[in-house]
Protein backbone atom coordinates (compact mmCIF):
# COMPACT_ATOMS: atom_id res chain seq x y z
CA UNK A 1 123.18 26.13 3.01
CA UNK A 2 125.09 27.41 0.01
CA UNK A 3 125.10 31.18 -0.32
CA UNK A 4 124.06 32.64 -3.68
CA UNK A 5 126.83 33.81 -5.92
CA UNK A 6 127.25 37.55 -6.31
CA UNK A 7 126.89 38.56 -9.97
CA UNK A 8 130.15 39.62 -11.55
CA UNK A 9 128.53 42.87 -12.65
CA UNK A 10 127.84 43.79 -9.01
CA UNK A 11 131.41 42.95 -8.03
CA UNK A 12 132.71 45.12 -10.85
CA UNK A 13 130.39 47.91 -9.72
CA UNK A 14 131.63 47.68 -6.13
CA UNK A 15 135.24 47.69 -7.31
CA UNK A 16 134.64 50.79 -9.38
CA UNK A 17 133.08 52.57 -6.39
CA UNK A 18 136.11 51.70 -4.28
CA UNK A 19 138.37 53.18 -6.92
CA UNK A 20 136.33 56.21 -7.92
CA UNK A 21 138.97 58.75 -6.86
CA UNK A 22 140.98 60.22 -9.72
CA UNK A 23 144.16 62.06 -8.71
CA UNK A 24 144.64 65.54 -10.06
CA UNK A 25 147.80 66.25 -12.09
CA UNK A 26 151.10 66.39 -10.19
CA UNK A 27 153.49 65.87 -13.10
CA UNK A 28 155.14 69.28 -12.77
CA UNK A 29 156.36 68.84 -9.21
CA UNK A 30 157.07 65.13 -9.74
CA UNK A 31 159.28 65.96 -12.72
CA UNK A 32 161.12 68.57 -10.64
CA UNK A 33 161.65 65.95 -7.91
CA UNK A 34 163.05 63.46 -10.43
CA UNK A 35 165.43 66.09 -11.78
CA UNK A 36 166.60 66.97 -8.27
CA UNK A 37 167.14 63.31 -7.42
CA UNK A 38 169.31 63.01 -10.53
CA UNK A 39 171.32 66.09 -9.51
CA UNK A 40 171.77 64.74 -5.98
CA UNK A 41 172.95 61.40 -7.35
CA UNK A 42 175.52 63.17 -9.49
CA UNK A 43 176.77 65.35 -6.61
CA UNK A 44 177.06 62.28 -4.41
CA UNK A 45 178.77 60.16 -7.05
CA UNK A 46 181.47 62.71 -7.93
CA UNK A 47 182.07 63.65 -4.28
CA UNK A 48 181.22 67.33 -4.73
CA UNK A 49 178.48 67.28 -2.08
CA UNK A 50 180.75 65.55 0.41
CA UNK A 51 183.51 68.10 -0.21
CA UNK A 52 181.11 71.04 0.14
CA UNK A 53 179.68 69.74 3.39
CA UNK A 54 183.19 69.11 4.72
CA UNK A 55 184.07 72.82 4.35
CA UNK A 56 181.96 73.42 7.47
CA UNK A 57 182.74 70.18 9.24
CA UNK A 58 179.59 68.31 8.21
CA UNK A 59 179.89 64.64 7.27
CA UNK A 60 177.60 62.27 5.46
CA UNK A 61 175.56 60.29 7.94
CA UNK A 62 178.12 58.14 9.77
CA UNK A 63 180.23 58.55 6.64
CA UNK A 64 178.18 55.78 5.07
CA UNK A 65 175.10 57.35 3.48
CA UNK A 66 174.84 56.54 -0.21
CA UNK A 67 172.11 56.73 -2.78
CA UNK A 68 171.90 52.95 -2.61
CA UNK A 69 171.19 52.71 1.13
CA UNK A 70 169.29 55.95 1.68
CA UNK A 71 165.76 55.55 3.04
CA UNK A 72 163.00 56.53 0.62
CA UNK A 73 160.05 58.65 1.72
CA UNK A 74 157.11 57.98 -0.56
CA UNK A 75 153.79 59.60 -1.34
CA UNK A 76 150.94 58.19 0.74
CA UNK A 77 148.73 57.03 -2.12
CA UNK A 78 151.59 54.87 -3.49
CA UNK A 79 151.74 52.77 -0.31
CA UNK A 80 150.08 49.38 -0.25
CA UNK A 81 147.10 48.95 2.05
CA UNK A 82 149.24 46.98 4.47
CA UNK A 83 151.89 49.72 4.49
CA UNK A 84 149.18 52.29 5.26
CA UNK A 85 147.94 50.15 8.13
CA UNK A 86 151.49 49.73 9.46
CA UNK A 87 151.90 53.50 9.55
CA UNK A 88 148.55 53.99 11.30
CA UNK A 89 149.35 51.31 13.87
CA UNK A 90 152.63 53.02 14.70
CA UNK A 91 150.93 56.39 15.17
CA UNK A 92 148.30 54.76 17.38
CA UNK A 93 151.14 53.18 19.35
CA UNK A 94 152.61 56.61 20.15
CA UNK A 95 149.15 57.76 21.18
CA UNK A 96 148.92 54.83 23.59
CA UNK A 97 152.40 55.09 25.12
CA UNK A 98 152.77 57.13 28.33
CA UNK A 99 154.41 60.56 28.16
CA UNK A 100 158.10 60.88 29.03
CA UNK A 101 157.95 64.53 30.13
CA UNK A 102 157.58 65.42 33.82
CA UNK A 103 153.97 66.12 34.76
CA UNK A 104 154.87 69.50 36.25
CA UNK A 105 156.32 70.67 32.91
CA UNK A 106 153.67 69.43 30.49
CA UNK A 107 150.69 68.58 32.74
CA UNK A 108 148.34 68.13 29.79
CA UNK A 109 150.44 65.46 28.09
CA UNK A 110 148.70 62.11 28.29
CA UNK A 111 150.84 60.23 25.78
CA UNK A 112 154.18 60.09 24.03
CA UNK A 113 152.43 61.65 21.05
CA UNK A 114 151.51 64.65 23.20
CA UNK A 115 155.19 65.17 24.01
CA UNK A 116 155.88 65.71 20.32
CA UNK A 117 152.96 68.11 20.00
CA UNK A 118 154.11 70.09 23.05
CA UNK A 119 157.54 70.69 21.53
CA UNK A 120 155.97 72.46 18.57
CA UNK A 121 153.67 74.52 20.78
CA UNK A 122 156.60 75.54 22.97
CA UNK A 123 158.75 76.79 20.10
CA UNK A 124 156.17 78.19 17.66
CA UNK A 125 157.30 81.80 18.09
CA UNK A 126 160.88 81.08 17.06
CA UNK A 127 160.42 78.48 14.32
CA UNK A 128 158.10 80.32 11.92
CA UNK A 129 158.82 83.23 9.62
CA UNK A 130 162.44 83.17 10.65
CA UNK A 131 165.75 81.62 9.76
CA UNK A 132 165.23 78.22 11.39
CA UNK A 133 161.81 77.48 9.84
CA UNK A 134 162.86 74.89 7.27
CA UNK A 135 165.65 73.18 9.22
CA UNK A 136 163.63 72.98 12.44
CA UNK A 137 160.64 71.36 10.81
CA UNK A 138 162.84 68.96 8.83
CA UNK A 139 164.35 67.73 12.06
CA UNK A 140 161.02 67.72 13.86
CA UNK A 141 159.52 65.27 11.37
CA UNK A 142 162.67 63.15 11.60
CA UNK A 143 162.34 62.90 15.40
CA UNK A 144 158.73 61.81 14.90
CA UNK A 145 159.88 59.18 12.41
CA UNK A 146 162.51 57.96 14.86
CA UNK A 147 159.91 57.64 17.61
CA UNK A 148 157.70 55.57 15.31
CA UNK A 149 160.59 53.30 14.39
CA UNK A 150 162.47 53.03 17.69
CA UNK A 151 159.56 53.06 20.13
CA UNK A 152 156.77 51.43 18.14
CA UNK A 153 158.57 49.05 15.81
CA UNK A 154 157.60 50.82 12.57
CA UNK A 155 159.67 49.45 9.70
CA UNK A 156 158.82 52.08 7.12
CA UNK A 157 159.49 55.79 6.77
CA UNK A 158 157.10 58.69 7.10
CA UNK A 159 155.09 59.21 3.91
CA UNK A 160 154.24 62.63 2.53
CA UNK A 161 150.94 63.86 1.16
CA UNK A 162 150.89 65.31 -2.36
CA UNK A 163 148.25 68.00 -2.05
CA UNK A 164 148.31 68.42 -5.82
CA UNK A 165 146.92 64.91 -6.33
CA UNK A 166 143.96 65.52 -4.01
CA UNK A 167 143.40 69.17 -4.85
CA UNK A 168 140.23 68.60 -6.87
CA UNK A 169 138.66 65.89 -4.74
CA UNK A 170 140.22 65.79 -1.26
CA UNK A 171 137.26 64.12 0.45
CA UNK A 172 137.51 60.98 -1.69
CA UNK A 173 141.29 60.86 -1.75
CA UNK A 174 143.19 58.00 -0.08
CA UNK A 175 144.19 60.39 2.71
CA UNK A 176 140.72 61.53 3.73
CA UNK A 177 138.18 58.98 2.52
CA UNK A 178 137.49 57.73 6.08
CA UNK A 179 138.38 54.12 5.25
CA UNK A 180 140.64 52.07 7.51
CA UNK A 181 143.45 52.75 5.04
CA UNK A 182 143.04 56.53 5.21
CA UNK A 183 144.23 59.03 7.77
CA UNK A 184 140.70 60.06 8.72
CA UNK A 185 138.20 62.46 7.26
CA UNK A 186 135.57 65.07 7.98
CA UNK A 187 133.75 66.03 11.13
CA UNK A 188 130.06 65.50 11.80
CA UNK A 189 127.38 68.13 11.29
CA UNK A 190 127.92 71.25 13.37
CA UNK A 191 126.68 74.59 12.03
CA UNK A 192 129.14 77.46 12.27
CA UNK A 193 130.16 80.66 10.57
CA UNK A 194 133.28 81.12 8.49
CA UNK A 195 136.76 80.66 9.95
CA UNK A 196 139.50 83.27 9.97
CA UNK A 197 142.49 81.65 8.28
CA UNK A 198 144.71 84.67 7.60
CA UNK A 199 145.91 87.27 10.08
CA UNK A 200 144.56 89.97 7.75
CA UNK A 201 141.05 88.46 8.15
CA UNK A 202 140.82 88.20 4.37
CA UNK A 203 139.52 85.15 2.52
CA UNK A 204 137.50 83.72 5.38
CA UNK A 205 136.88 80.00 5.04
CA UNK A 206 133.17 79.31 4.78
CA UNK A 207 131.68 76.15 6.29
CA UNK A 208 132.25 72.99 4.31
CA UNK A 209 129.56 70.78 2.83
CA UNK A 210 130.95 67.34 3.46
CA UNK A 211 130.93 65.08 0.44
CA UNK A 212 128.61 67.39 -1.49
CA UNK A 213 130.03 69.59 -4.17
CA UNK A 214 129.50 73.33 -3.60
CA UNK A 215 126.91 75.07 -5.68
CA UNK A 216 128.28 77.69 -8.12
CA UNK A 217 128.43 81.05 -6.43
CA UNK A 218 127.84 79.65 -2.95
CA UNK A 219 131.40 80.35 -1.78
CA UNK A 220 132.85 83.74 -0.98
CA UNK A 221 136.61 83.51 -1.54
CA UNK A 222 137.22 87.08 -2.63
CA UNK A 223 139.27 89.61 -0.71
CA UNK A 224 136.43 91.22 1.26
CA UNK A 225 137.12 91.17 4.97
CA UNK A 226 134.86 88.69 6.75
CA UNK A 227 132.12 89.09 4.20
CA UNK A 228 130.09 86.11 5.35
CA UNK A 229 127.65 84.69 2.86
CA UNK A 230 126.56 81.19 3.80
CA UNK A 231 124.99 78.79 1.29
CA UNK A 232 121.21 78.80 1.67
CA UNK A 233 120.23 76.06 -0.75
CA UNK A 234 121.96 73.20 1.08
CA UNK A 235 122.45 72.31 4.73
CA UNK A 236 125.79 73.39 6.14
CA UNK A 237 127.50 70.12 6.81
CA UNK A 238 130.62 69.28 8.80
CA UNK A 239 132.63 70.98 11.49
CA UNK A 240 131.95 68.69 14.42
CA UNK A 241 133.75 65.75 15.98
CA UNK A 242 135.55 63.23 13.79
CA UNK A 243 133.76 59.89 14.19
CA UNK A 244 134.93 57.95 11.16
CA UNK A 245 138.28 56.55 10.09
CA UNK A 246 141.10 54.84 12.00
CA UNK A 247 141.44 57.61 14.60
CA UNK A 248 137.75 58.09 15.34
CA UNK A 249 137.13 59.17 18.90
CA UNK A 250 140.66 60.32 19.73
CA UNK A 251 140.94 63.34 22.00
CA UNK A 252 142.98 66.52 21.89
CA UNK A 253 144.58 66.68 25.33
CA UNK A 254 146.65 69.87 25.39
CA UNK A 255 144.77 73.12 25.73
CA UNK A 256 144.36 75.45 22.79
CA UNK A 257 146.85 78.30 22.47
CA UNK A 258 145.58 80.45 19.58
CA UNK A 259 142.18 78.89 18.77
CA UNK A 260 140.23 79.84 15.66
CA UNK A 261 137.23 77.61 16.26
CA UNK A 262 134.04 78.89 17.95
CA UNK A 263 133.62 77.88 21.56
CA UNK A 264 137.27 76.90 22.03
CA UNK A 265 139.24 78.98 24.52
CA UNK A 266 142.87 78.96 25.56
CA UNK A 267 143.69 77.98 29.11
CA UNK A 268 146.96 77.77 31.03
CA UNK A 269 149.68 76.73 28.54
CA UNK A 270 150.23 72.96 28.33
CA UNK A 271 147.32 72.26 30.68
CA UNK A 272 144.94 69.32 30.28
CA UNK A 273 141.86 70.24 28.27
CA UNK A 274 140.38 67.08 26.71
CA UNK A 275 138.02 67.56 23.78
CA UNK A 276 137.14 65.80 20.55
CA UNK A 277 138.96 66.50 17.29
CA UNK A 278 136.86 68.64 14.94
CA UNK A 279 137.36 68.85 11.18
CA UNK A 280 135.74 70.87 8.43
CA UNK A 281 137.60 70.00 5.24
CA UNK A 282 137.36 72.79 2.69
CA UNK A 283 136.97 71.59 -0.90
CA UNK A 284 137.02 75.13 -2.36
CA UNK A 285 140.22 75.95 -0.47
CA UNK A 286 141.88 72.82 -1.85
CA UNK A 287 140.80 73.51 -5.41
CA UNK A 288 142.05 77.08 -5.39
CA UNK A 289 145.27 76.83 -3.40
CA UNK A 290 146.77 73.33 -3.54
CA UNK A 291 147.07 72.59 -7.25
CA UNK A 292 150.40 71.51 -8.70
CA UNK A 293 150.86 74.94 -10.28
CA UNK A 294 151.56 76.45 -6.86
CA UNK A 295 154.39 74.00 -6.15
CA UNK A 296 155.80 74.36 -9.65
CA UNK A 297 155.78 78.13 -9.27
CA UNK A 298 157.91 77.85 -6.14
CA UNK A 299 160.37 75.57 -7.90
CA UNK A 300 160.54 77.19 -11.34
CA UNK A 301 159.72 80.88 -11.01
CA UNK A 302 163.02 82.83 -11.27
CA UNK A 303 161.83 85.13 -8.46
CA UNK A 304 162.21 82.31 -5.93
CA UNK A 305 165.46 80.85 -7.24
CA UNK A 306 167.67 83.76 -6.15
CA UNK A 307 168.21 82.36 -2.67
CA UNK A 308 166.57 80.57 0.22
CA UNK A 309 165.22 83.85 1.60
CA UNK A 310 163.03 84.46 -1.43
CA UNK A 311 162.02 80.80 -1.55
CA UNK A 312 160.94 80.46 2.07
CA UNK A 313 159.23 83.86 2.11
CA UNK A 314 157.04 82.76 -0.78
CA UNK A 315 156.44 79.41 0.87
CA UNK A 316 154.96 81.23 3.88
CA UNK A 317 153.36 84.11 1.98
CA UNK A 318 149.87 85.12 3.17
CA UNK A 319 149.40 88.42 1.34
CA UNK A 320 148.99 91.76 3.12
CA UNK A 321 146.26 93.95 4.60
CA UNK A 322 144.44 94.29 1.27
CA UNK A 323 145.35 91.10 -0.57
CA UNK A 324 144.90 87.61 0.84
CA UNK A 325 146.89 84.56 -0.21
CA UNK A 326 146.88 80.97 1.05
CA UNK A 327 150.44 79.94 0.37
CA UNK A 328 151.40 76.28 0.74
CA UNK A 329 152.30 76.72 4.39
CA UNK A 330 149.10 78.53 5.39
CA UNK A 331 146.97 76.22 3.29
CA UNK A 332 148.29 73.35 5.37
CA UNK A 333 146.91 75.04 8.48
CA UNK A 334 143.37 75.28 7.25
CA UNK A 335 142.54 72.55 4.74
CA UNK A 336 141.20 70.50 7.64
CA UNK A 337 140.11 73.52 9.69
CA UNK A 338 138.34 72.81 12.97
CA UNK A 339 140.03 72.26 16.33
CA UNK A 340 142.87 71.97 17.14
CA UNK A 341 143.96 71.99 13.51
CA UNK A 342 143.02 75.66 13.18
CA UNK A 343 145.34 76.60 16.06
CA UNK A 344 148.63 77.81 14.61
CA UNK A 345 150.69 76.54 17.53
CA UNK A 346 149.21 73.04 17.38
CA UNK A 347 148.69 72.74 13.65
CA UNK A 348 151.28 75.03 12.14
CA UNK A 349 153.07 73.01 9.49
CA UNK A 350 153.20 69.88 11.41
CA UNK A 351 151.42 68.59 14.39
CA UNK A 352 147.66 68.34 13.81
CA UNK A 353 147.54 67.81 17.55
CA UNK A 354 146.26 64.33 18.32
CA UNK A 355 144.81 64.34 14.85
CA UNK A 356 145.33 61.81 12.06
CA UNK A 357 147.44 64.14 9.94
CA UNK A 358 150.64 64.47 11.90
CA UNK A 359 153.29 66.15 9.87
CA UNK A 360 151.65 65.94 6.44
CA UNK A 361 152.14 69.65 5.91
CA UNK A 362 155.75 69.59 7.01
CA UNK A 363 156.45 66.38 5.12
CA UNK A 364 155.25 67.99 1.90
CA UNK A 365 157.06 71.27 2.58
CA UNK A 366 160.23 69.39 3.45
CA UNK A 367 159.95 67.58 0.13
CA UNK A 368 159.50 70.92 -1.67
CA UNK A 369 162.59 72.30 0.11
CA UNK A 370 164.46 69.07 -0.72
CA UNK A 371 163.58 69.53 -4.41
CA UNK A 372 164.60 73.19 -4.33
CA UNK A 373 167.91 72.44 -2.58
CA UNK A 374 168.88 69.63 -4.89
CA UNK A 375 168.32 71.58 -8.05
CA UNK A 376 171.80 72.84 -7.10
CA UNK A 377 172.98 70.50 -4.32
CA UNK A 378 176.30 72.12 -3.50
CA UNK A 379 175.38 75.75 -4.12
CA UNK A 380 172.25 75.59 -1.95
CA UNK A 381 173.47 73.26 0.77
CA UNK A 382 174.34 75.90 3.35
CA UNK A 383 171.85 78.63 2.54
CA UNK A 384 170.00 80.15 5.52
CA UNK A 385 168.15 83.46 5.82
CA UNK A 386 166.06 85.21 8.43
CA UNK A 387 166.17 86.23 12.06
CA UNK A 388 165.82 84.21 15.25
CA UNK A 389 162.32 85.44 16.04
CA UNK A 390 158.99 85.22 14.23
CA UNK A 391 158.66 88.21 11.89
CA UNK A 392 161.68 89.62 13.75
CA UNK A 393 159.48 90.47 16.76
CA UNK A 394 161.15 91.26 19.06
CA UNK A 395 164.12 92.30 16.90
CA UNK A 396 166.83 89.65 16.81
CA UNK A 397 170.05 88.70 15.06
CA UNK A 398 170.09 86.67 11.87
CA UNK A 399 170.21 82.91 12.19
CA UNK A 400 173.58 81.33 11.37
CA UNK A 401 174.62 77.80 10.50
CA UNK A 402 176.14 77.49 13.98
CA UNK A 403 172.85 78.24 15.75
CA UNK A 404 171.32 75.41 17.72
CA UNK A 405 167.84 74.46 18.83
CA UNK A 406 166.68 71.94 21.38
CA UNK A 407 164.05 69.29 20.71
CA UNK A 408 163.90 68.53 24.42
CA UNK A 409 162.50 65.11 25.21
CA UNK A 410 162.17 64.41 21.50
CA UNK A 411 165.84 64.48 20.59
CA UNK A 412 167.96 67.05 22.38
CA UNK A 413 170.09 69.84 20.92
CA UNK A 414 171.15 70.02 17.28
CA UNK A 415 173.09 72.50 15.11
CA UNK A 416 171.51 73.90 11.96
CA UNK A 417 174.50 73.15 9.74
CA UNK A 418 174.06 69.43 10.47
CA UNK A 419 170.50 69.51 9.16
CA UNK A 420 170.99 71.15 5.77
CA UNK A 421 171.26 67.94 3.74
CA UNK A 422 169.14 64.80 3.98
CA UNK A 423 172.31 62.87 3.16
CA UNK A 424 174.24 64.33 6.10
CA UNK A 425 174.10 64.82 9.85
CA UNK A 426 171.71 62.30 11.43
CA UNK A 427 169.82 61.75 8.17
CA UNK A 428 170.07 59.43 5.23
CA UNK A 429 166.95 59.68 3.10
CA UNK A 430 165.55 60.91 -0.22
CA UNK A 431 162.11 61.59 -1.64
CA UNK A 432 160.42 59.88 -4.57
């Protein structure tokens, strides 16, 4: 029996629904990236970057990294559907591979992916708000990329997520629309109160409303401490387990360390504590804190061009006891909210433990640092600032270019000076 033809009007309607997402402006940061790429090309072509790196014994990757053969890390929405699927398959591969760490050291690790998560948990107190923050996370994402490529046959390079593009409509963006080509989406219905996202307890994150747009005045994003005012005219929507998208049903295996989600408690570090991934994507948070103007401010404001100290302090800025601020780094903790993404040791900048968003925060922040560095490639190549401990507690010496850190089972020991340029050390990549 011949099936009836589908009217062209219906096909056009379906196509329009599939393409209903409109990216928010990102021209400011994209222009800055293009300018930095041009500056990097010039510094590579005339040899000035190579000569500057050589002053401290750093060489271009194997002496062979050029602008022509450098890998290109691209924005997620620019990938083809097949490229998105390739990336997802590689991540799923790491989730399926057995762990390589001894069971007595990381007893909760159930997969190779968990090994990568555990490294971040183990070093959280020395890799944030200190001198190794940017270099450590740059290398951390690179080790993840290498695992995807060397252990799971991934042929591409890790994409980054432009928060600016999805700032006005994150739930329908290519990253979060819950299709097979996305990296997941929201959690199911689970009523809850607001979430504490800043250490000052300011700007609590009220429960999300799924795909529904918030009613005017229904969100409390002022600076009142934990002033909870829940919407009463609509049902409070997500916050529960993620059951849609390519990673539906995956489990968080490692116990929480600093949980922010109700009902989640920390157990013995690195122990096995299986539980579903919970998300509560905050549209108001995205609209207020992830627009392109925040990235452009970091890259153009003279206050943050004086040196890497001023730049990275602003990148991690969260306000004070009376004024709350979701800087780009903190925003990355809590856009998805939930568990374990609200746990700073699991989620902080990178891991999204056993969650579909591994490294999207760090990949974006690494791109922002890459842009900032390459505005002046030689002058900013070796800039470091900050101490060896988080917020200098306990008091510690300043980080130097000769300091090392150990990625353990994910890559061993490296020296900071070898990580300052994406054209040097073990790297050879640029951003588009």
